């Protein structure tokens, strides 16, 4: 990553997410929340670390491209 360049955030693919809530209960990232029964990642709060994508058992958390 270049100096001053913001890392690409992550997002939840709703077609893969099973709403198991492991990303909420086991990780506790402030960028992850639940809205209307669906898991949501705030792209402005996400630091792009990728830990949530690593712990998601359904591989529903993906890096946002572009």
PDB file of N, CA and C in Angstrom:
ATOM      1  N   UNK A   1       0.845  -1.162   0.000  1.00  0.00           N
ATOM      2  CA  UNK A   1       0.000   0.000   0.000  1.00  0.00           C
ATOM      3  C   UNK A   1       0.896   1.232   0.000  1.00  0.00           C
ATOM      4  N   UNK A   2       0.512   2.196  -0.778  1.00  0.00           N
ATOM      5  CA  UNK A   2       1.280   3.436  -0.844  1.00  0.00           C
ATOM      6  C   UNK A   2       0.963   4.333   0.339  1.00  0.00           C
ATOM      7  N   UNK A   3       1.926   5.125   0.710  1.00  0.00           N
ATOM      8  CA  UNK A   3       1.744   6.045   1.830  1.00  0.00           C
ATOM      9  C   UNK A   3       0.580   6.996   1.532  1.00  0.00           C
ATOM     10  N   UNK A   4      -0.319   7.129   2.478  1.00  0.00           N
ATOM     11  CA  UNK A   4      -1.468   7.994   2.321  1.00  0.00           C
ATOM     12  C   UNK A   4      -2.635   7.367   1.579  1.00  0.00           C
ATOM     13  N   UNK A   5      -2.445   6.184   1.019  1.00  0.00           N
ATOM     14  CA  UNK A   5      -3.513   5.506   0.286  1.00  0.00           C
ATOM     15  C   UNK A   5      -4.378   4.710   1.254  1.00  0.00           C
ATOM     16  N   UNK A   6      -5.671   4.898   1.177  1.00  0.00           N
ATOM     17  CA  UNK A   6      -6.596   4.193   2.053  1.00  0.00           C
ATOM     18  C   UNK A   6      -6.804   2.766   1.547  1.00  0.00           C
ATOM     19  N   UNK A   7      -6.724   1.763   2.438  1.00  0.00           N
ATOM     20  CA  UNK A   7      -6.946   0.378   2.002  1.00  0.00           C
ATOM     21  C   UNK A   7      -8.392   0.172   1.561  1.00  0.00           C
ATOM     22  N   UNK A   8      -8.595  -0.764   0.664  1.00  0.00           N
ATOM     23  CA  UNK A   8      -9.938  -1.058   0.186  1.00  0.00           C
ATOM     24  C   UNK A   8     -10.729  -1.745   1.301  1.00  0.00           C
ATOM     25  N   UNK A   9     -11.929  -1.255   1.564  1.00  0.00           N
ATOM     26  CA  UNK A   9     -12.732  -1.837   2.647  1.00  0.00           C
ATOM     27  C   UNK A   9     -13.363  -3.175   2.238  1.00  0.00           C
ATOM     28  N   UNK A  10     -13.973  -3.812   3.204  1.00  0.00           N
ATOM     29  CA  UNK A  10     -14.673  -5.071   2.982  1.00  0.00           C
ATOM     30  C   UNK A  10     -16.172  -4.833   3.011  1.00  0.00           C
ATOM     31  N   UNK A  11     -16.911  -5.774   2.442  1.00  0.00           N
ATOM     32  CA  UNK A  11     -18.373  -5.708   2.417  1.00  0.00           C
ATOM     33  C   UNK A  11     -18.910  -7.124   2.558  1.00  0.00           C
ATOM     34  N   UNK A  12     -20.187  -7.236   2.856  1.00  0.00           N
ATOM     35  CA  UNK A  12     -20.833  -8.538   3.011  1.00  0.00           C
ATOM     36  C   UNK A  12     -21.599  -8.863   1.737  1.00  0.00           C
ATOM     37  N   UNK A  13     -21.351 -10.058   1.202  1.00  0.00           N
ATOM     38  CA  UNK A  13     -22.108 -10.544   0.047  1.00  0.00           C
ATOM     39  C   UNK A  13     -23.385 -11.173   0.602  1.00  0.00           C
ATOM     40  N   UNK A  14     -24.534 -10.528   0.409  1.00  0.00           N
ATOM     41  CA  UNK A  14     -25.775 -11.039   1.001  1.00  0.00           C
ATOM     42  C   UNK A  14     -26.216 -12.393   0.460  1.00  0.00           C
ATOM     43  N   UNK A  15     -25.719 -12.789  -0.701  1.00  0.00           N
ATOM     44  CA  UNK A  15     -26.092 -14.095  -1.254  1.00  0.00           C
ATOM     45  C   UNK A  15     -25.353 -15.234  -0.561  1.00  0.00           C
ATOM     46  N   UNK A  16     -24.246 -14.922   0.112  1.00  0.00           N
ATOM     47  CA  UNK A  16     -23.467 -15.938   0.816  1.00  0.00           C
ATOM     48  C   UNK A  16     -23.640 -15.896   2.327  1.00  0.00           C
ATOM     49  N   UNK A  17     -24.027 -14.756   2.858  1.00  0.00           N
ATOM     50  CA  UNK A  17     -24.125 -14.572   4.309  1.00  0.00           C
ATOM     51  C   UNK A  17     -25.275 -15.394   4.884  1.00  0.00           C
ATOM     52  N   UNK A  18     -24.968 -16.155   5.928  1.00  0.00           N
ATOM     53  CA  UNK A  18     -25.982 -16.976   6.602  1.00  0.00           C
ATOM     54  C   UNK A  18     -26.458 -16.327   7.892  1.00  0.00           C
ATOM     55  N   UNK A  19     -25.988 -15.122   8.177  1.00  0.00           N
ATOM     56  CA  UNK A  19     -26.330 -14.371   9.388  1.00  0.00           C
ATOM     57  C   UNK A  19     -26.010 -15.152  10.664  1.00  0.00           C
ATOM     58  N   UNK A  20     -24.888 -15.861  10.646  1.00  0.00           N
ATOM     59  CA  UNK A  20     -24.461 -16.629  11.826  1.00  0.00           C
ATOM     60  C   UNK A  20     -23.985 -15.699  12.947  1.00  0.00           C
ATOM     61  N   UNK A  21     -23.607 -14.481  12.595  1.00  0.00           N
ATOM     62  CA  UNK A  21     -23.187 -13.424  13.520  1.00  0.00           C
ATOM     63  C   UNK A  21     -21.845 -13.690  14.203  1.00  0.00           C
ATOM     64  N   UNK A  22     -21.063 -14.597  13.665  1.00  0.00           N
ATOM     65  CA  UNK A  22     -19.728 -14.839  14.222  1.00  0.00           C
ATOM     66  C   UNK A  22     -18.870 -13.587  14.104  1.00  0.00           C
ATOM     67  N   UNK A  23     -19.041 -12.850  13.011  1.00  0.00           N
ATOM     68  CA  UNK A  23     -18.259 -11.617  12.821  1.00  0.00           C
ATOM     69  C   UNK A  23     -18.592 -10.581  13.890  1.00  0.00           C
ATOM     70  N   UNK A  24     -19.810 -10.621  14.411  1.00  0.00           N
ATOM     71  CA  UNK A  24     -20.210  -9.697  15.474  1.00  0.00           C
ATOM     72  C   UNK A  24     -19.800 -10.207  16.857  1.00  0.00           C
ATOM     73  N   UNK A  25     -20.067 -11.468  17.129  1.00  0.00           N
ATOM     74  CA  UNK A  25     -19.850 -11.998  18.475  1.00  0.00           C
ATOM     75  C   UNK A  25     -18.400 -12.388  18.769  1.00  0.00           C
ATOM     76  N   UNK A  26     -17.660 -12.850  17.763  1.00  0.00           N
ATOM     77  CA  UNK A  26     -16.302 -13.328  17.997  1.00  0.00           C
ATOM     78  C   UNK A  26     -15.224 -12.298  17.681  1.00  0.00           C
ATOM     79  N   UNK A  27     -15.562 -11.287  16.888  1.00  0.00           N
ATOM     80  CA  UNK A  27     -14.551 -10.330  16.455  1.00  0.00           C
ATOM     81  C   UNK A  27     -14.745  -8.960  17.096  1.00  0.00           C
ATOM     82  N   UNK A  28     -15.938  -8.433  17.068  1.00  0.00           N
ATOM     83  CA  UNK A  28     -16.227  -7.160  17.719  1.00  0.00           C
ATOM     84  C   UNK A  28     -15.701  -5.934  17.002  1.00  0.00           C
ATOM     85  N   UNK A  29     -15.605  -5.977  15.702  1.00  0.00           N
ATOM     86  CA  UNK A  29     -15.138  -4.820  14.934  1.00  0.00           C
ATOM     87  C   UNK A  29     -16.203  -3.724  14.957  1.00  0.00           C
ATOM     88  N   UNK A  30     -15.820  -2.482  15.217  1.00  0.00           N
ATOM     89  CA  UNK A  30     -16.801  -1.397  15.255  1.00  0.00           C
ATOM     90  C   UNK A  30     -17.402  -1.068  13.887  1.00  0.00           C
ATOM     91  N   UNK A  31     -16.801  -1.530  12.804  1.00  0.00           N
ATOM     92  CA  UNK A  31     -17.333  -1.272  11.459  1.00  0.00           C
ATOM     93  C   UNK A  31     -18.461  -2.239  11.093  1.00  0.00           C
ATOM     94  N   UNK A  32     -18.599  -3.329  11.849  1.00  0.00           N
ATOM     95  CA  UNK A  32     -19.609  -4.351  11.541  1.00  0.00           C
ATOM     96  C   UNK A  32     -20.825  -4.160  12.438  1.00  0.00           C
ATOM     97  N   UNK A  33     -21.993  -4.168  11.809  1.00  0.00           N
ATOM     98  CA  UNK A  33     -23.238  -4.036  12.561  1.00  0.00           C
ATOM     99  C   UNK A  33     -24.320  -4.878  11.899  1.00  0.00           C
ATOM    100  N   UNK A  34     -25.475  -4.891  12.532  1.00  0.00           N
ATOM    101  CA  UNK A  34     -26.611  -5.603  11.970  1.00  0.00           C
ATOM    102  C   UNK A  34     -27.742  -4.610  11.772  1.00  0.00           C
ATOM    103  N   UNK A  35     -28.305  -4.630  10.574  1.00  0.00           N
ATOM    104  CA  UNK A  35     -29.407  -3.734  10.227  1.00  0.00           C
ATOM    105  C   UNK A  35     -30.487  -4.551   9.523  1.00  0.00           C
ATOM    106  N   UNK A  36     -31.683  -4.483  10.046  1.00  0.00           N
ATOM    107  CA  UNK A  36     -32.815  -5.231   9.479  1.00  0.00           C
ATOM    108  C   UNK A  36     -32.506  -6.718   9.323  1.00  0.00           C
ATOM    109  N   UNK A  37     -31.777  -7.279  10.282  1.00  0.00           N
ATOM    110  CA  UNK A  37     -31.460  -8.696  10.275  1.00  0.00           C
ATOM    111  C   UNK A  37     -30.317  -9.093   9.361  1.00  0.00           C
ATOM    112  N   UNK A  38     -29.666  -8.116   8.748  1.00  0.00           N
ATOM    113  CA  UNK A  38     -28.553  -8.402   7.836  1.00  0.00           C
ATOM    114  C   UNK A  38     -27.271  -7.782   8.377  1.00  0.00           C
ATOM    115  N   UNK A  39     -26.170  -8.466   8.141  1.00  0.00           N
ATOM    116  CA  UNK A  39     -24.860  -7.985   8.569  1.00  0.00           C
ATOM    117  C   UNK A  39     -24.406  -6.910   7.582  1.00  0.00           C
ATOM    118  N   UNK A  40     -23.857  -5.843   8.124  1.00  0.00           N
ATOM    119  CA  UNK A  40     -23.444  -4.698   7.324  1.00  0.00           C
ATOM    120  C   UNK A  40     -22.066  -4.233   7.782  1.00  0.00           C
ATOM    121  N   UNK A  41     -21.210  -3.866   6.827  1.00  0.00           N
ATOM    122  CA  UNK A  41     -19.900  -3.305   7.146  1.00  0.00           C
ATOM    123  C   UNK A  41     -19.869  -1.876   6.624  1.00  0.00           C
ATOM    124  N   UNK A  42     -19.627  -0.940   7.527  1.00  0.00           N
ATOM    125  CA  UNK A  42     -19.544   0.470   7.155  1.00  0.00           C
ATOM    126  C   UNK A  42     -18.221   0.714   6.439  1.00  0.00           C
ATOM    127  N   UNK A  43     -18.291   1.078   5.173  1.00  0.00           N
ATOM    128  CA  UNK A  43     -17.075   1.230   4.377  1.00  0.00           C
ATOM    129  C   UNK A  43     -16.190   2.383   4.850  1.00  0.00           C
ATOM    130  N   UNK A  44     -16.756   3.330   5.566  1.00  0.00           N
ATOM    131  CA  UNK A  44     -15.969   4.446   6.064  1.00  0.00           C
ATOM    132  C   UNK A  44     -15.245   4.115   7.374  1.00  0.00           C
ATOM    133  N   UNK A  45     -15.759   3.140   8.108  1.00  0.00           N
ATOM    134  CA  UNK A  45     -15.131   2.721   9.358  1.00  0.00           C
ATOM    135  C   UNK A  45     -14.175   1.551   9.167  1.00  0.00           C
ATOM    136  N   UNK A  46     -14.352   0.802   8.087  1.00  0.00           N
ATOM    137  CA  UNK A  46     -13.531  -0.381   7.814  1.00  0.00           C
ATOM    138  C   UNK A  46     -12.095   0.040   7.518  1.00  0.00           C
ATOM    139  N   UNK A  47     -11.140  -0.580   8.214  1.00  0.00           N
ATOM    140  CA  UNK A  47      -9.722  -0.264   7.999  1.00  0.00           C
ATOM    141  C   UNK A  47      -9.086  -1.169   6.952  1.00  0.00           C
ATOM    142  N   UNK A  48      -9.831  -2.179   6.484  1.00  0.00           N
ATOM    143  CA  UNK A  48      -9.314  -3.071   5.460  1.00  0.00           C
ATOM    144  C   UNK A  48      -8.360  -4.130   5.975  1.00  0.00           C
ATOM    145  N   UNK A  49      -8.413  -4.435   7.270  1.00  0.00           N
ATOM    146  CA  UNK A  49      -7.475  -5.404   7.856  1.00  0.00           C
ATOM    147  C   UNK A  49      -7.724  -6.831   7.376  1.00  0.00           C
ATOM    148  N   UNK A  50      -8.994  -7.179   7.097  1.00  0.00           N
ATOM    149  CA  UNK A  50      -9.312  -8.501   6.569  1.00  0.00           C
ATOM    150  C   UNK A  50      -9.568  -9.585   7.592  1.00  0.00           C
ATOM    151  N   UNK A  51      -9.502  -9.271   8.870  1.00  0.00           N
ATOM    152  CA  UNK A  51      -9.715 -10.283   9.905  1.00  0.00           C
ATOM    153  C   UNK A  51     -11.137 -10.848   9.819  1.00  0.00           C
ATOM    154  N   UNK A  52     -12.116  -9.993   9.576  1.00  0.00           N
ATOM    155  CA  UNK A  52     -13.508 -10.452   9.482  1.00  0.00           C
ATOM    156  C   UNK A  52     -13.674 -11.450   8.344  1.00  0.00           C
ATOM    157  N   UNK A  53     -13.006 -11.214   7.223  1.00  0.00           N
ATOM    158  CA  UNK A  53     -13.089 -12.132   6.085  1.00  0.00           C
ATOM    159  C   UNK A  53     -12.461 -13.481   6.429  1.00  0.00           C
ATOM    160  N   UNK A  54     -11.439 -13.458   7.255  1.00  0.00           N
ATOM    161  CA  UNK A  54     -10.770 -14.696   7.650  1.00  0.00           C
ATOM    162  C   UNK A  54     -11.611 -15.535   8.596  1.00  0.00           C
ATOM    163  N   UNK A  55     -12.426 -14.904   9.456  1.00  0.00           N
ATOM    164  CA  UNK A  55     -13.206 -15.673  10.428  1.00  0.00           C
ATOM    165  C   UNK A  55     -14.590 -16.057   9.923  1.00  0.00           C
ATOM    166  N   UNK A  56     -15.016 -15.488   8.789  1.00  0.00           N
ATOM    167  CA  UNK A  56     -16.350 -15.783   8.264  1.00  0.00           C
ATOM    168  C   UNK A  56     -16.396 -17.210   7.710  1.00  0.00           C
ATOM    169  N   UNK A  57     -17.206 -18.098   8.321  1.00  0.00           N
ATOM    170  CA  UNK A  57     -17.248 -19.485   7.857  1.00  0.00           C
ATOM    171  C   UNK A  57     -17.886 -19.670   6.479  1.00  0.00           C
ATOM    172  N   UNK A  58     -18.725 -18.741   6.065  1.00  0.00           N
ATOM    173  CA  UNK A  58     -19.381 -18.875   4.760  1.00  0.00           C
ATOM    174  C   UNK A  58     -18.681 -18.066   3.660  1.00  0.00           C
ATOM    175  N   UNK A  59     -17.546 -17.442   4.013  1.00  0.00           N
ATOM    176  CA  UNK A  59     -16.759 -16.649   3.054  1.00  0.00           C
ATOM    177  C   UNK A  59     -17.604 -15.563   2.388  1.00  0.00           C
ATOM    178  N   UNK A  60     -18.499 -14.949   3.178  1.00  0.00           N
ATOM    179  CA  UNK A  60     -19.408 -13.924   2.670  1.00  0.00           C
ATOM    180  C   UNK A  60     -18.828 -12.523   2.734  1.00  0.00           C
ATOM    181  N   UNK A  61     -17.700 -12.368   3.407  1.00  0.00           N
ATOM    182  CA  UNK A  61     -17.092 -11.041   3.531  1.00  0.00           C
ATOM    183  C   UNK A  61     -15.988 -10.935   2.485  1.00  0.00           C
ATOM    184  N   UNK A  62     -16.153  -9.948   1.614  1.00  0.00           N
ATOM    185  CA  UNK A  62     -15.254  -9.798   0.474  1.00  0.00           C
ATOM    186  C   UNK A  62     -14.712  -8.376   0.410  1.00  0.00           C
ATOM    187  N   UNK A  63     -13.545  -8.228  -0.211  1.00  0.00           N
ATOM    188  CA  UNK A  63     -12.934  -6.914  -0.387  1.00  0.00           C
ATOM    189  C   UNK A  63     -13.683  -6.178  -1.498  1.00  0.00           C
ATOM    190  N   UNK A  64     -13.945  -4.905  -1.261  1.00  0.00           N
ATOM    191  CA  UNK A  64     -14.623  -4.066  -2.252  1.00  0.00           C
ATOM    192  C   UNK A  64     -13.576  -3.617  -3.272  1.00  0.00           C
ATOM    193  N   UNK A  65     -13.824  -3.886  -4.521  1.00  0.00           N
ATOM    194  CA  UNK A  65     -12.903  -3.481  -5.587  1.00  0.00           C
ATOM    195  C   UNK A  65     -13.429  -2.232  -6.263  1.00  0.00           C
ATOM    196  N   UNK A  66     -12.506  -1.395  -6.692  1.00  0.00           N
ATOM    197  CA  UNK A  66     -12.891  -0.219  -7.466  1.00  0.00           C
ATOM    198  C   UNK A  66     -13.201   0.919  -6.687  1.00  0.00           C
TER     199      UNK A  66
END
